[in-house]
Every structure is written in C-alpha cells, then in structure tokens.
C-alpha cells in the first residue's frame, strides 16, 4: 500500500468551508478515489498556515516525527482549487518547493467530491 502525506489549506479548515481536516481527502485515499491511484495509507496530514512560509518545514517535521517518508505528497483539493486562490503562493510553487526539498513526487488535488 502506498504511503502518502496530505497538505491541507489551514484557512479552509479554520473557516468551516466543509473541510474539517479533512474527511474527503481521507476517504479518497482510503478508497483509491480521485487523484489516488489505489487505496493509500495516510501517514501524515499537514495544515498549511497562512502565509505558508512554514509549509515545507512543517512537512519535513511531519516526516521526521512520524518516522515515515511518504511515497507521494498530495496537496488537498481545497488548497489547489481555492477560489479565490492563495494570495501567497500558487499550488505549482508549493508543489515545486516540496519536491525540491524532499525529492518526493507531489500530486495536486486529492478528490472530486462535492458538498
């Protein structure tokens, strides 16, 4: 089973936009739905806090504390598809920063669930 980490948008989680932290990402990973190619084990869920300066460091800390390097890191659908988008960094920039630091593939998005 593939081991994955998920990075969610803290602003969405804190604002109550249907992202409690985040059952849809966890469901998609468990079932192999959406962007997950097969059922996956979520080894960490990272909350990106505005303005996102610590996101890469927090991702590294999650890997260190869990003692598990994920096979892939997913940027949550709420982070990737936010409207309006993140004023501090694009999903492409976030993905590139994580990939460059940890040499782990980053997938943009997690699920296609609505409501």
N, C-alpha and C. Protein backbone atom coordinates (compact mmCIF):
# COMPACT_ATOMS: atom_id res chain seq x y z
N UNK A 1 0.85 -1.18 0.00
CA UNK A 1 0.00 0.00 0.00
C UNK A 1 0.90 1.24 0.00
N UNK A 2 0.55 2.18 -0.84
CA UNK A 2 1.31 3.41 -0.93
C UNK A 2 1.11 4.26 0.32
N UNK A 3 2.19 4.84 0.82
CA UNK A 3 2.13 5.75 1.97
C UNK A 3 2.12 7.18 1.44
N UNK A 4 1.18 7.98 1.93
CA UNK A 4 1.04 9.34 1.43
C UNK A 4 0.91 10.33 2.58
N UNK A 5 1.28 11.57 2.28
CA UNK A 5 1.03 12.70 3.17
C UNK A 5 0.10 13.65 2.42
N UNK A 6 -0.75 14.35 3.15
CA UNK A 6 -1.67 15.31 2.56
C UNK A 6 -1.41 16.67 3.20
N UNK A 7 -1.30 17.71 2.36
CA UNK A 7 -1.18 19.08 2.84
C UNK A 7 -2.50 19.78 2.56
N UNK A 8 -3.18 20.21 3.63
CA UNK A 8 -4.47 20.89 3.51
C UNK A 8 -4.34 22.38 3.76
N UNK A 9 -5.31 23.12 3.29
CA UNK A 9 -5.36 24.58 3.46
C UNK A 9 -5.92 24.92 4.84
N UNK A 10 -5.08 25.49 5.70
CA UNK A 10 -5.50 25.85 7.05
C UNK A 10 -6.62 26.87 7.07
N UNK A 11 -6.61 27.81 6.11
CA UNK A 11 -7.67 28.82 6.07
C UNK A 11 -9.02 28.16 5.80
N UNK A 12 -9.08 27.19 4.91
CA UNK A 12 -10.33 26.48 4.65
C UNK A 12 -10.76 25.67 5.87
N UNK A 13 -9.81 25.00 6.50
CA UNK A 13 -10.15 24.20 7.67
C UNK A 13 -10.69 25.07 8.79
N UNK A 14 -10.04 26.21 9.03
CA UNK A 14 -10.43 27.09 10.12
C UNK A 14 -11.71 27.86 9.85
N UNK A 15 -12.04 28.06 8.57
CA UNK A 15 -13.20 28.87 8.20
C UNK A 15 -14.48 28.07 8.07
N UNK A 16 -14.41 26.75 8.18
CA UNK A 16 -15.60 25.93 8.11
C UNK A 16 -16.20 25.80 6.73
N UNK A 17 -15.38 25.80 5.70
CA UNK A 17 -15.88 25.66 4.33
C UNK A 17 -16.09 24.20 3.96
N UNK A 18 -16.47 23.38 4.90
CA UNK A 18 -16.71 21.98 4.61
C UNK A 18 -15.46 21.14 4.68
N UNK A 19 -14.39 21.71 5.21
CA UNK A 19 -13.12 20.99 5.33
C UNK A 19 -12.78 20.85 6.80
N UNK A 20 -13.25 19.80 7.45
CA UNK A 20 -12.96 19.66 8.88
C UNK A 20 -11.59 19.10 9.16
N UNK A 21 -10.84 18.78 8.11
CA UNK A 21 -9.44 18.40 8.29
C UNK A 21 -9.08 16.96 8.00
N UNK A 22 -9.53 16.33 7.12
CA UNK A 22 -10.46 16.56 6.03
C UNK A 22 -10.99 15.20 5.61
N UNK A 23 -12.22 14.93 5.93
CA UNK A 23 -12.80 13.60 5.69
C UNK A 23 -12.79 13.22 4.22
N UNK A 24 -12.96 14.16 3.31
CA UNK A 24 -12.99 13.81 1.88
C UNK A 24 -11.62 13.35 1.38
N UNK A 25 -10.56 14.02 1.83
CA UNK A 25 -9.20 13.57 1.45
C UNK A 25 -8.93 12.18 2.01
N UNK A 26 -9.31 11.97 3.26
CA UNK A 26 -9.07 10.68 3.89
C UNK A 26 -9.90 9.58 3.23
N UNK A 27 -11.13 9.88 2.87
CA UNK A 27 -11.99 8.91 2.19
C UNK A 27 -11.40 8.54 0.83
N UNK A 28 -11.01 9.55 0.05
CA UNK A 28 -10.44 9.29 -1.28
C UNK A 28 -9.18 8.44 -1.17
N UNK A 29 -8.33 8.75 -0.20
CA UNK A 29 -7.10 7.96 -0.03
C UNK A 29 -7.44 6.52 0.33
N UNK A 30 -8.37 6.34 1.25
CA UNK A 30 -8.74 5.01 1.71
C UNK A 30 -9.32 4.15 0.59
N UNK A 31 -10.12 4.78 -0.26
CA UNK A 31 -10.80 4.05 -1.34
C UNK A 31 -10.02 4.01 -2.65
N UNK A 32 -8.99 4.84 -2.77
CA UNK A 32 -8.27 4.94 -4.04
C UNK A 32 -9.07 5.73 -5.06
N UNK A 33 -9.86 6.69 -4.59
CA UNK A 33 -10.67 7.56 -5.46
C UNK A 33 -9.89 8.82 -5.83
N UNK A 34 -10.49 9.59 -6.75
CA UNK A 34 -9.93 10.89 -7.11
C UNK A 34 -8.54 10.75 -7.68
N UNK A 35 -7.61 11.50 -7.12
CA UNK A 35 -6.24 11.53 -7.60
C UNK A 35 -5.40 10.36 -7.09
N UNK A 36 -5.96 9.57 -6.17
CA UNK A 36 -5.23 8.42 -5.64
C UNK A 36 -5.40 7.23 -6.59
N UNK A 37 -4.30 6.65 -7.02
CA UNK A 37 -4.33 5.57 -7.99
C UNK A 37 -4.80 4.25 -7.39
N UNK A 38 -4.66 4.11 -6.09
CA UNK A 38 -5.08 2.90 -5.39
C UNK A 38 -5.27 3.27 -3.91
N UNK A 39 -5.93 2.40 -3.13
CA UNK A 39 -6.06 2.69 -1.71
C UNK A 39 -4.69 2.99 -1.11
N UNK A 40 -4.65 4.03 -0.29
CA UNK A 40 -3.38 4.51 0.25
C UNK A 40 -3.47 4.71 1.75
N UNK A 41 -2.34 4.61 2.41
CA UNK A 41 -2.24 4.85 3.84
C UNK A 41 -1.76 6.28 4.07
N UNK A 42 -2.59 7.10 4.73
CA UNK A 42 -2.20 8.47 5.03
C UNK A 42 -1.33 8.45 6.28
N UNK A 43 -0.06 8.80 6.12
CA UNK A 43 0.89 8.75 7.24
C UNK A 43 1.03 10.11 7.93
N UNK A 44 0.57 11.18 7.27
CA UNK A 44 0.53 12.49 7.92
C UNK A 44 -0.43 13.40 7.17
N UNK A 45 -1.02 14.32 7.93
CA UNK A 45 -1.90 15.34 7.37
C UNK A 45 -1.36 16.67 7.88
N UNK A 46 -0.88 17.50 6.97
CA UNK A 46 -0.22 18.75 7.32
C UNK A 46 -1.16 19.90 7.03
N UNK A 47 -1.24 20.83 7.96
CA UNK A 47 -2.09 22.00 7.81
C UNK A 47 -1.21 23.18 7.41
N UNK A 48 -1.43 23.71 6.21
CA UNK A 48 -0.69 24.88 5.74
C UNK A 48 -1.30 26.11 6.43
N UNK A 49 -0.48 26.86 7.13
CA UNK A 49 -0.93 28.06 7.84
C UNK A 49 -0.50 29.30 7.06
N UNK A 50 -1.42 30.25 6.88
CA UNK A 50 -1.10 31.49 6.17
C UNK A 50 0.00 32.25 6.91
N UNK A 51 0.96 32.79 6.20
CA UNK A 51 1.10 32.89 4.76
C UNK A 51 1.84 31.71 4.11
N UNK A 52 1.98 30.61 4.79
CA UNK A 52 2.55 29.42 4.18
C UNK A 52 4.06 29.31 4.24
N UNK A 53 4.71 30.24 4.93
CA UNK A 53 6.18 30.22 4.99
C UNK A 53 6.72 28.93 5.59
N UNK A 54 5.99 28.35 6.54
CA UNK A 54 6.48 27.16 7.24
C UNK A 54 6.00 25.85 6.64
N UNK A 55 5.28 25.91 5.53
CA UNK A 55 4.68 24.69 4.97
C UNK A 55 5.72 23.62 4.65
N UNK A 56 6.81 23.98 4.03
CA UNK A 56 7.84 23.00 3.70
C UNK A 56 8.48 22.47 4.99
N UNK A 57 8.78 23.36 5.93
CA UNK A 57 9.37 22.93 7.21
C UNK A 57 8.41 22.04 7.99
N UNK A 58 7.12 22.37 7.98
CA UNK A 58 6.13 21.56 8.68
C UNK A 58 6.01 20.19 8.04
N UNK A 59 6.10 20.13 6.73
CA UNK A 59 6.06 18.85 6.03
C UNK A 59 7.26 17.99 6.44
N UNK A 60 8.42 18.61 6.52
CA UNK A 60 9.61 17.89 6.96
C UNK A 60 9.49 17.40 8.39
N UNK A 61 8.91 18.24 9.26
CA UNK A 61 8.73 17.85 10.65
C UNK A 61 7.76 16.68 10.77
N UNK A 62 6.70 16.69 9.96
CA UNK A 62 5.75 15.58 9.98
C UNK A 62 6.43 14.27 9.59
N UNK A 63 7.30 14.32 8.59
CA UNK A 63 8.03 13.11 8.19
C UNK A 63 8.99 12.67 9.28
N UNK A 64 9.66 13.63 9.90
CA UNK A 64 10.61 13.29 10.96
C UNK A 64 9.89 12.67 12.16
N UNK A 65 8.81 13.30 12.61
CA UNK A 65 8.11 12.81 13.80
C UNK A 65 7.40 11.49 13.57
N UNK A 66 6.86 11.30 12.36
CA UNK A 66 6.18 10.03 12.07
C UNK A 66 7.18 8.92 11.76
N UNK A 67 8.41 9.33 11.44
CA UNK A 67 9.47 8.39 11.05
C UNK A 67 9.10 7.58 9.81
N UNK A 68 8.24 8.19 8.97
CA UNK A 68 7.82 7.54 7.73
C UNK A 68 7.92 8.57 6.60
N UNK A 69 8.74 8.27 5.59
CA UNK A 69 8.80 9.12 4.41
C UNK A 69 7.71 8.66 3.46
N UNK A 70 6.80 9.55 3.07
CA UNK A 70 5.72 9.14 2.18
C UNK A 70 6.24 8.85 0.77
N UNK A 71 5.50 8.01 0.07
CA UNK A 71 5.81 7.72 -1.33
C UNK A 71 5.40 8.90 -2.22
N UNK A 72 4.34 9.59 -1.82
CA UNK A 72 3.85 10.79 -2.52
C UNK A 72 3.29 11.75 -1.49
N UNK A 73 3.29 13.03 -1.87
CA UNK A 73 2.66 14.06 -1.06
C UNK A 73 1.57 14.70 -1.92
N UNK A 74 0.38 14.81 -1.35
CA UNK A 74 -0.77 15.37 -2.06
C UNK A 74 -1.11 16.74 -1.50
N UNK A 75 -1.28 17.71 -2.39
CA UNK A 75 -1.85 18.99 -2.00
C UNK A 75 -3.36 18.81 -2.08
N UNK A 76 -4.07 19.08 -1.00
CA UNK A 76 -5.51 18.82 -0.96
C UNK A 76 -6.26 19.59 -2.04
N UNK A 77 -7.42 19.08 -2.39
CA UNK A 77 -8.25 19.74 -3.40
C UNK A 77 -8.64 21.14 -2.96
N UNK A 78 -8.89 21.35 -1.65
CA UNK A 78 -9.27 22.69 -1.18
C UNK A 78 -8.10 23.66 -1.33
N UNK A 79 -6.89 23.18 -1.18
CA UNK A 79 -5.72 24.04 -1.34
C UNK A 79 -5.49 24.36 -2.83
N UNK A 80 -5.60 23.36 -3.67
CA UNK A 80 -5.32 23.52 -5.10
C UNK A 80 -6.41 24.31 -5.81
N UNK A 81 -7.67 24.08 -5.43
CA UNK A 81 -8.81 24.66 -6.16
C UNK A 81 -9.45 25.84 -5.45
N UNK A 82 -8.80 26.41 -4.44
CA UNK A 82 -9.39 27.50 -3.66
C UNK A 82 -9.76 28.68 -4.56
N UNK A 83 -10.94 29.24 -4.32
CA UNK A 83 -11.40 30.43 -5.03
C UNK A 83 -11.87 31.44 -3.99
N UNK A 84 -11.25 32.58 -3.80
CA UNK A 84 -10.04 32.98 -4.51
C UNK A 84 -8.86 32.13 -4.08
N UNK A 85 -7.87 32.07 -4.93
CA UNK A 85 -6.69 31.27 -4.66
C UNK A 85 -5.84 31.85 -3.55
N UNK A 86 -4.86 31.10 -3.14
CA UNK A 86 -3.93 31.54 -2.10
C UNK A 86 -3.22 32.81 -2.57
N UNK A 87 -3.26 33.87 -1.75
CA UNK A 87 -2.60 35.11 -2.16
C UNK A 87 -1.08 35.07 -1.98
N UNK A 88 -0.57 34.03 -1.37
CA UNK A 88 0.85 33.97 -1.04
C UNK A 88 1.67 33.08 -1.97
N UNK A 89 1.05 32.02 -2.48
CA UNK A 89 1.79 31.06 -3.29
C UNK A 89 0.83 30.24 -4.14
N UNK A 90 1.22 29.91 -5.34
CA UNK A 90 0.38 29.06 -6.18
C UNK A 90 0.61 27.60 -5.83
N UNK A 91 -0.32 26.76 -6.21
CA UNK A 91 -0.17 25.31 -5.99
C UNK A 91 1.07 24.80 -6.71
N UNK A 92 1.35 25.32 -7.90
CA UNK A 92 2.55 24.92 -8.63
C UNK A 92 3.82 25.26 -7.84
N UNK A 93 3.86 26.45 -7.25
CA UNK A 93 5.02 26.86 -6.46
C UNK A 93 5.16 25.99 -5.21
N UNK A 94 4.04 25.70 -4.55
CA UNK A 94 4.09 24.85 -3.35
C UNK A 94 4.59 23.45 -3.70
N UNK A 95 4.04 22.89 -4.77
CA UNK A 95 4.44 21.54 -5.19
C UNK A 95 5.93 21.51 -5.51
N UNK A 96 6.40 22.49 -6.24
CA UNK A 96 7.82 22.53 -6.63
C UNK A 96 8.72 22.66 -5.41
N UNK A 97 8.34 23.49 -4.44
CA UNK A 97 9.15 23.67 -3.23
C UNK A 97 9.26 22.36 -2.44
N UNK A 98 8.15 21.63 -2.33
CA UNK A 98 8.16 20.35 -1.60
C UNK A 98 8.99 19.32 -2.34
N UNK A 99 8.78 19.21 -3.64
CA UNK A 99 9.54 18.24 -4.44
C UNK A 99 11.03 18.52 -4.38
N UNK A 100 11.40 19.80 -4.49
CA UNK A 100 12.81 20.17 -4.45
C UNK A 100 13.46 19.83 -3.11
N UNK A 101 12.75 20.05 -2.03
CA UNK A 101 13.30 19.82 -0.69
C UNK A 101 13.41 18.34 -0.34
N UNK A 102 12.37 17.56 -0.66
CA UNK A 102 12.30 16.19 -0.17
C UNK A 102 12.45 15.11 -1.23
N UNK A 103 12.48 15.51 -2.50
CA UNK A 103 12.59 14.55 -3.60
C UNK A 103 11.49 13.48 -3.53
N UNK A 104 10.28 13.97 -3.24
CA UNK A 104 9.09 13.12 -3.19
C UNK A 104 8.09 13.72 -4.19
N UNK A 105 7.49 12.90 -5.05
CA UNK A 105 6.52 13.44 -6.01
C UNK A 105 5.33 14.08 -5.30
N UNK A 106 4.88 15.21 -5.84
CA UNK A 106 3.72 15.92 -5.30
C UNK A 106 2.59 15.88 -6.32
N UNK A 107 1.41 15.50 -5.86
CA UNK A 107 0.21 15.45 -6.69
C UNK A 107 -0.69 16.62 -6.28
N UNK A 108 -1.18 17.35 -7.26
CA UNK A 108 -2.06 18.48 -6.96
C UNK A 108 -3.51 18.03 -6.99
N UNK A 109 -4.13 18.02 -5.83
CA UNK A 109 -5.51 17.61 -5.68
C UNK A 109 -5.60 16.24 -5.05
N UNK A 110 -6.77 15.97 -4.44
CA UNK A 110 -6.97 14.70 -3.77
C UNK A 110 -8.26 14.02 -4.22
N UNK A 111 -9.34 14.76 -4.37
CA UNK A 111 -10.63 14.16 -4.63
C UNK A 111 -11.49 15.05 -5.52
N UNK A 112 -12.59 14.50 -5.98
CA UNK A 112 -13.56 15.21 -6.82
C UNK A 112 -14.91 15.32 -6.12
N UNK A 113 -14.97 15.03 -4.83
CA UNK A 113 -16.24 15.07 -4.11
C UNK A 113 -16.73 16.51 -3.97
N UNK A 114 -18.04 16.67 -3.96
CA UNK A 114 -18.65 17.99 -3.80
C UNK A 114 -19.65 17.92 -2.65
N UNK A 115 -19.79 19.07 -2.00
CA UNK A 115 -20.82 19.20 -0.96
C UNK A 115 -20.61 18.46 0.30
